[in-house]
Amino acid sequence: GVHNQIEPFLLNALEPLGERRTEI
């Protein structure tokens, strides 16, 4: 029941990419 946290985890991991991380 924690699969919804994958997207926030990826957003944090790709934080150096700035706004482009959302698209990726």
PDB file of all heavy atoms in Angstrom:
ATOM      1  N   GLY A   1       0.778  -1.225   0.000  1.00  0.00           N
ATOM      2  CA  GLY A   1       0.000   0.000   0.000  1.00  0.00           C
ATOM      3  C   GLY A   1       0.809   1.274   0.000  1.00  0.00           C
ATOM      4  O   GLY A   1       0.288   2.334   0.363  1.00  0.00           O
ATOM      5  N   VAL A   2       2.076   1.226  -0.389  1.00  0.00           N
ATOM      6  CA  VAL A   2       2.917   2.432  -0.372  1.00  0.00           C
ATOM      7  C   VAL A   2       3.429   2.758  -1.779  1.00  0.00           C
ATOM      8  O   VAL A   2       4.402   3.490  -1.930  1.00  0.00           O
ATOM      9  CB  VAL A   2       4.106   2.267   0.600  1.00  0.00           C
ATOM     10  CG1 VAL A   2       3.627   2.205   2.030  1.00  0.00           C
ATOM     11  CG2 VAL A   2       4.905   1.015   0.246  1.00  0.00           C
ATOM     12  N   HIS A   3       2.773   2.218  -2.816  1.00  0.00           N
ATOM     13  CA  HIS A   3       3.257   2.438  -4.173  1.00  0.00           C
ATOM     14  C   HIS A   3       3.102   3.883  -4.620  1.00  0.00           C
ATOM     15  O   HIS A   3       3.758   4.314  -5.553  1.00  0.00           O
ATOM     16  CB  HIS A   3       2.499   1.513  -5.133  1.00  0.00           C
ATOM     17  CG  HIS A   3       1.015   1.679  -5.081  1.00  0.00           C
ATOM     18  ND1 HIS A   3       0.248   1.160  -4.059  1.00  0.00           N
ATOM     19  CD2 HIS A   3       0.155   2.321  -5.918  1.00  0.00           C
ATOM     20  CE1 HIS A   3      -1.026   1.452  -4.278  1.00  0.00           C
ATOM     21  NE2 HIS A   3      -1.111   2.169  -5.387  1.00  0.00           N
ATOM     22  N   ASN A   4       2.208   4.634  -3.968  1.00  0.00           N
ATOM     23  CA  ASN A   4       2.017   6.025  -4.360  1.00  0.00           C
ATOM     24  C   ASN A   4       3.203   6.909  -4.005  1.00  0.00           C
ATOM     25  O   ASN A   4       3.245   8.074  -4.419  1.00  0.00           O
ATOM     26  CB  ASN A   4       0.750   6.581  -3.691  1.00  0.00           C
ATOM     27  CG  ASN A   4      -0.511   5.912  -4.204  1.00  0.00           C
ATOM     28  OD1 ASN A   4      -0.586   5.533  -5.373  1.00  0.00           O
ATOM     29  ND2 ASN A   4      -1.496   5.760  -3.344  1.00  0.00           N
ATOM     30  N   GLN A   5       4.162   6.382  -3.222  1.00  0.00           N
ATOM     31  CA  GLN A   5       5.314   7.182  -2.836  1.00  0.00           C
ATOM     32  C   GLN A   5       6.459   7.097  -3.846  1.00  0.00           C
ATOM     33  O   GLN A   5       7.495   7.733  -3.648  1.00  0.00           O
ATOM     34  CB  GLN A   5       5.828   6.728  -1.459  1.00  0.00           C
ATOM     35  CG  GLN A   5       4.828   6.937  -0.332  1.00  0.00           C
ATOM     36  CD  GLN A   5       5.407   6.550   1.016  1.00  0.00           C
ATOM     37  OE1 GLN A   5       6.616   6.404   1.158  1.00  0.00           O
ATOM     38  NE2 GLN A   5       4.545   6.380   2.006  1.00  0.00           N
ATOM     39  N   ILE A   6       6.289   6.310  -4.908  1.00  0.00           N
ATOM     40  CA  ILE A   6       7.362   6.210  -5.903  1.00  0.00           C
ATOM     41  C   ILE A   6       7.581   7.550  -6.601  1.00  0.00           C
ATOM     42  O   ILE A   6       8.726   7.990  -6.794  1.00  0.00           O
ATOM     43  CB  ILE A   6       7.028   5.108  -6.929  1.00  0.00           C
ATOM     44  CG1 ILE A   6       7.184   3.725  -6.297  1.00  0.00           C
ATOM     45  CG2 ILE A   6       7.933   5.215  -8.145  1.00  0.00           C
ATOM     46  CD1 ILE A   6       6.976   2.588  -7.255  1.00  0.00           C
ATOM     47  N   GLU A   7       6.478   8.211  -6.958  1.00  0.00           N
ATOM     48  CA  GLU A   7       6.627   9.480  -7.673  1.00  0.00           C
ATOM     49  C   GLU A   7       7.305  10.547  -6.824  1.00  0.00           C
ATOM     50  O   GLU A   7       8.248  11.200  -7.301  1.00  0.00           O
ATOM     51  CB  GLU A   7       5.261   9.968  -8.160  1.00  0.00           C
ATOM     52  CG  GLU A   7       5.344  11.217  -9.022  1.00  0.00           C
ATOM     53  CD  GLU A   7       4.007  11.571  -9.656  1.00  0.00           C
ATOM     54  OE1 GLU A   7       3.051  10.790  -9.464  1.00  0.00           O
ATOM     55  OE2 GLU A   7       3.914  12.612 -10.326  1.00  0.00           O
ATOM     56  N   PRO A   8       6.903  10.761  -5.547  1.00  0.00           N
ATOM     57  CA  PRO A   8       7.649  11.736  -4.725  1.00  0.00           C
ATOM     58  C   PRO A   8       9.115  11.356  -4.530  1.00  0.00           C
ATOM     59  O   PRO A   8       9.982  12.232  -4.488  1.00  0.00           O
ATOM     60  CB  PRO A   8       6.886  11.736  -3.395  1.00  0.00           C
ATOM     61  CG  PRO A   8       5.523  11.258  -3.733  1.00  0.00           C
ATOM     62  CD  PRO A   8       5.703  10.281  -4.841  1.00  0.00           C
ATOM     63  N   PHE A   9       9.385  10.056  -4.451  1.00  0.00           N
ATOM     64  CA  PHE A   9      10.774   9.618  -4.287  1.00  0.00           C
ATOM     65  C   PHE A   9      11.600   9.974  -5.521  1.00  0.00           C
ATOM     66  O   PHE A   9      12.742  10.462  -5.405  1.00  0.00           O
ATOM     67  CB  PHE A   9      10.796   8.107  -4.035  1.00  0.00           C
ATOM     68  CG  PHE A   9      12.180   7.533  -3.982  1.00  0.00           C
ATOM     69  CD1 PHE A   9      12.967   7.676  -2.858  1.00  0.00           C
ATOM     70  CD2 PHE A   9      12.701   6.843  -5.071  1.00  0.00           C
ATOM     71  CE1 PHE A   9      14.248   7.148  -2.807  1.00  0.00           C
ATOM     72  CE2 PHE A   9      13.979   6.309  -5.031  1.00  0.00           C
ATOM     73  CZ  PHE A   9      14.749   6.457  -3.894  1.00  0.00           C
ATOM     74  N   LEU A  10      11.051   9.738  -6.706  1.00  0.00           N
ATOM     75  CA  LEU A  10      11.768  10.086  -7.926  1.00  0.00           C
ATOM     76  C   LEU A  10      11.936  11.593  -8.060  1.00  0.00           C
ATOM     77  O   LEU A  10      12.981  12.078  -8.530  1.00  0.00           O
ATOM     78  CB  LEU A  10      11.018   9.532  -9.144  1.00  0.00           C
ATOM     79  CG  LEU A  10      11.010   8.003  -9.295  1.00  0.00           C
ATOM     80  CD1 LEU A  10      10.163   7.601 -10.492  1.00  0.00           C
ATOM     81  CD2 LEU A  10      12.428   7.477  -9.460  1.00  0.00           C
ATOM     82  N   LEU A  11      10.942  12.355  -7.655  1.00  0.00           N
ATOM     83  CA  LEU A  11      11.056  13.808  -7.720  1.00  0.00           C
ATOM     84  C   LEU A  11      12.184  14.306  -6.817  1.00  0.00           C
ATOM     85  O   LEU A  11      12.930  15.224  -7.187  1.00  0.00           O
ATOM     86  CB  LEU A  11       9.732  14.459  -7.333  1.00  0.00           C
ATOM     87  CG  LEU A  11       8.588  14.329  -8.346  1.00  0.00           C
ATOM     88  CD1 LEU A  11       7.287  14.852  -7.765  1.00  0.00           C
ATOM     89  CD2 LEU A  11       8.926  15.066  -9.637  1.00  0.00           C
ATOM     90  N   ASN A  12      12.325  13.710  -5.642  1.00  0.00           N
ATOM     91  CA  ASN A  12      13.410  14.104  -4.747  1.00  0.00           C
ATOM     92  C   ASN A  12      14.767  13.679  -5.301  1.00  0.00           C
ATOM     93  O   ASN A  12      15.747  14.416  -5.193  1.00  0.00           O
ATOM     94  CB  ASN A  12      13.197  13.486  -3.361  1.00  0.00           C
ATOM     95  CG  ASN A  12      12.014  14.096  -2.634  1.00  0.00           C
ATOM     96  OD1 ASN A  12      11.692  15.266  -2.843  1.00  0.00           O
ATOM     97  ND2 ASN A  12      11.362  13.314  -1.779  1.00  0.00           N
ATOM     98  N   ALA A  13      14.828  12.480  -5.898  1.00  0.00           N
ATOM     99  CA  ALA A  13      16.100  11.995  -6.433  1.00  0.00           C
ATOM    100  C   ALA A  13      16.564  12.831  -7.612  1.00  0.00           C
ATOM    101  O   ALA A  13      17.772  12.996  -7.830  1.00  0.00           O
ATOM    102  CB  ALA A  13      15.975  10.528  -6.841  1.00  0.00           C
ATOM    103  N   LEU A  14      15.612  13.366  -8.393  1.00  0.00           N
ATOM    104  CA  LEU A  14      15.948  14.165  -9.568  1.00  0.00           C
ATOM    105  C   LEU A  14      15.796  15.658  -9.302  1.00  0.00           C
ATOM    106  O   LEU A  14      15.645  16.446 -10.237  1.00  0.00           O
ATOM    107  CB  LEU A  14      15.056  13.757 -10.748  1.00  0.00           C
ATOM    108  CG  LEU A  14      15.176  12.300 -11.200  1.00  0.00           C
ATOM    109  CD1 LEU A  14      14.216  12.013 -12.346  1.00  0.00           C
ATOM    110  CD2 LEU A  14      16.602  11.967 -11.616  1.00  0.00           C
ATOM    111  N   GLU A  15      15.860  16.052  -8.055  1.00  0.00           N
ATOM    112  CA  GLU A  15      15.703  17.468  -7.710  1.00  0.00           C
ATOM    113  C   GLU A  15      16.711  18.379  -8.408  1.00  0.00           C
ATOM    114  O   GLU A  15      16.374  19.510  -8.775  1.00  0.00           O
ATOM    115  CB  GLU A  15      15.802  17.642  -6.193  1.00  0.00           C
ATOM    116  CG  GLU A  15      15.509  19.048  -5.718  1.00  0.00           C
ATOM    117  CD  GLU A  15      15.528  19.154  -4.211  1.00  0.00           C
ATOM    118  OE1 GLU A  15      15.760  18.127  -3.541  1.00  0.00           O
ATOM    119  OE2 GLU A  15      15.319  20.273  -3.691  1.00  0.00           O
ATOM    120  N   PRO A  16      17.981  17.965  -8.626  1.00  0.00           N
ATOM    121  CA  PRO A  16      18.922  18.846  -9.340  1.00  0.00           C
ATOM    122  C   PRO A  16      18.488  19.219 -10.756  1.00  0.00           C
ATOM    123  O   PRO A  16      19.018  20.179 -11.317  1.00  0.00           O
ATOM    124  CB  PRO A  16      20.221  18.025  -9.359  1.00  0.00           C
ATOM    125  CG  PRO A  16      20.128  17.143  -8.170  1.00  0.00           C
ATOM    126  CD  PRO A  16      18.671  16.783  -8.072  1.00  0.00           C
ATOM    127  N   LEU A  17      17.542  18.479 -11.333  1.00  0.00           N
ATOM    128  CA  LEU A  17      17.093  18.801 -12.688  1.00  0.00           C
ATOM    129  C   LEU A  17      16.065  19.922 -12.716  1.00  0.00           C
ATOM    130  O   LEU A  17      15.621  20.316 -13.801  1.00  0.00           O
ATOM    131  CB  LEU A  17      16.505  17.556 -13.353  1.00  0.00           C
ATOM    132  CG  LEU A  17      17.506  16.431 -13.634  1.00  0.00           C
ATOM    133  CD1 LEU A  17      16.788  15.201 -14.170  1.00  0.00           C
ATOM    134  CD2 LEU A  17      18.577  16.890 -14.609  1.00  0.00           C
ATOM    135  N   GLY A  18      15.680  20.415 -11.544  1.00  0.00           N
ATOM    136  CA  GLY A  18      14.764  21.546 -11.473  1.00  0.00           C
ATOM    137  C   GLY A  18      13.380  21.202 -12.004  1.00  0.00           C
ATOM    138  O   GLY A  18      12.821  20.136 -11.720  1.00  0.00           O
ATOM    139  N   GLU A  19      12.817  22.115 -12.784  1.00  0.00           N
ATOM    140  CA  GLU A  19      11.464  21.918 -13.307  1.00  0.00           C
ATOM    141  C   GLU A  19      11.402  20.778 -14.312  1.00  0.00           C
ATOM    142  O   GLU A  19      10.325  20.222 -14.553  1.00  0.00           O
ATOM    143  CB  GLU A  19      10.965  23.214 -13.959  1.00  0.00           C
ATOM    144  CG  GLU A  19      10.832  24.380 -12.981  1.00  0.00           C
ATOM    145  CD  GLU A  19      10.366  25.648 -13.658  1.00  0.00           C
ATOM    146  OE1 GLU A  19      10.239  25.611 -14.902  1.00  0.00           O
ATOM    147  OE2 GLU A  19      10.131  26.649 -12.958  1.00  0.00           O
ATOM    148  N   ARG A  20      12.530  20.422 -14.910  1.00  0.00           N
ATOM    149  CA  ARG A  20      12.526  19.347 -15.902  1.00  0.00           C
ATOM    150  C   ARG A  20      12.272  17.982 -15.282  1.00  0.00           C
ATOM    151  O   ARG A  20      11.904  17.041 -15.983  1.00  0.00           O
ATOM    152  CB  ARG A  20      13.857  19.331 -16.653  1.00  0.00           C
ATOM    153  CG  ARG A  20      14.168  20.627 -17.374  1.00  0.00           C
ATOM    154  CD  ARG A  20      15.543  20.576 -17.998  1.00  0.00           C
ATOM    155  NE  ARG A  20      15.928  21.864 -18.551  1.00  0.00           N
ATOM    156  CZ  ARG A  20      15.660  22.266 -19.779  1.00  0.00           C
ATOM    157  NH1 ARG A  20      14.998  21.462 -20.594  1.00  0.00           N
ATOM    158  NH2 ARG A  20      16.052  23.450 -20.207  1.00  0.00           N
ATOM    159  N   ARG A  21      12.476  17.890 -13.974  1.00  0.00           N
ATOM    160  CA  ARG A  21      12.275  16.587 -13.327  1.00  0.00           C
ATOM    161  C   ARG A  21      10.821  16.148 -13.420  1.00  0.00           C
ATOM    162  O   ARG A  21      10.524  14.948 -13.478  1.00  0.00           O
ATOM    163  CB  ARG A  21      12.703  16.660 -11.865  1.00  0.00           C
ATOM    164  CG  ARG A  21      11.927  17.687 -11.048  1.00  0.00           C
ATOM    165  CD  ARG A  21      12.312  17.691  -9.594  1.00  0.00           C
ATOM    166  NE  ARG A  21      11.600  18.730  -8.866  1.00  0.00           N
ATOM    167  CZ  ARG A  21      11.492  18.792  -7.542  1.00  0.00           C
ATOM    168  NH1 ARG A  21      12.067  17.855  -6.808  1.00  0.00           N
ATOM    169  NH2 ARG A  21      10.838  19.767  -6.956  1.00  0.00           N
ATOM    170  N   THR A  22       9.899  17.112 -13.419  1.00  0.00           N
ATOM    171  CA  THR A  22       8.477  16.755 -13.491  1.00  0.00           C
ATOM    172  C   THR A  22       8.177  16.026 -14.791  1.00  0.00           C
ATOM    173  O   THR A  22       7.460  15.009 -14.808  1.00  0.00           O
ATOM    174  CB  THR A  22       7.614  18.021 -13.372  1.00  0.00           C
ATOM    175  OG1 THR A  22       7.952  18.720 -12.172  1.00  0.00           O
ATOM    176  CG2 THR A  22       6.140  17.658 -13.343  1.00  0.00           C
ATOM    177  N   GLU A  23       8.718  16.528 -15.894  1.00  0.00           N
ATOM    178  CA  GLU A  23       8.506  15.881 -17.194  1.00  0.00           C
ATOM    179  C   GLU A  23       9.131  14.493 -17.217  1.00  0.00           C
ATOM    180  O   GLU A  23       8.507  13.523 -17.712  1.00  0.00           O
ATOM    181  CB  GLU A  23       9.117  16.758 -18.292  1.00  0.00           C
ATOM    182  CG  GLU A  23       9.019  16.146 -19.684  1.00  0.00           C
ATOM    183  CD  GLU A  23       9.764  16.971 -20.720  1.00  0.00           C
ATOM    184  OE1 GLU A  23      10.203  18.092 -20.394  1.00  0.00           O
ATOM    185  OE2 GLU A  23       9.904  16.481 -21.872  1.00  0.00           O
ATOM    186  N   ILE A  24      10.347  14.360 -16.683  1.00  0.00           N
ATOM    187  CA  ILE A  24      11.027  13.063 -16.705  1.00  0.00           C
ATOM    188  C   ILE A  24      10.286  12.047 -15.844  1.00  0.00           C
ATOM    189  O   ILE A  24      10.050  10.908 -16.260  1.00  0.00           O
ATOM    190  CB  ILE A  24      12.488  13.229 -16.220  1.00  0.00           C
ATOM    191  CG1 ILE A  24      13.263  14.114 -17.197  1.00  0.00           C
ATOM    192  CG2 ILE A  24      13.166  11.874 -16.069  1.00  0.00           C
ATOM    193  CD1 ILE A  24      14.669  14.422 -16.743  1.00  0.00           C
TER     194      ILE A  24
END
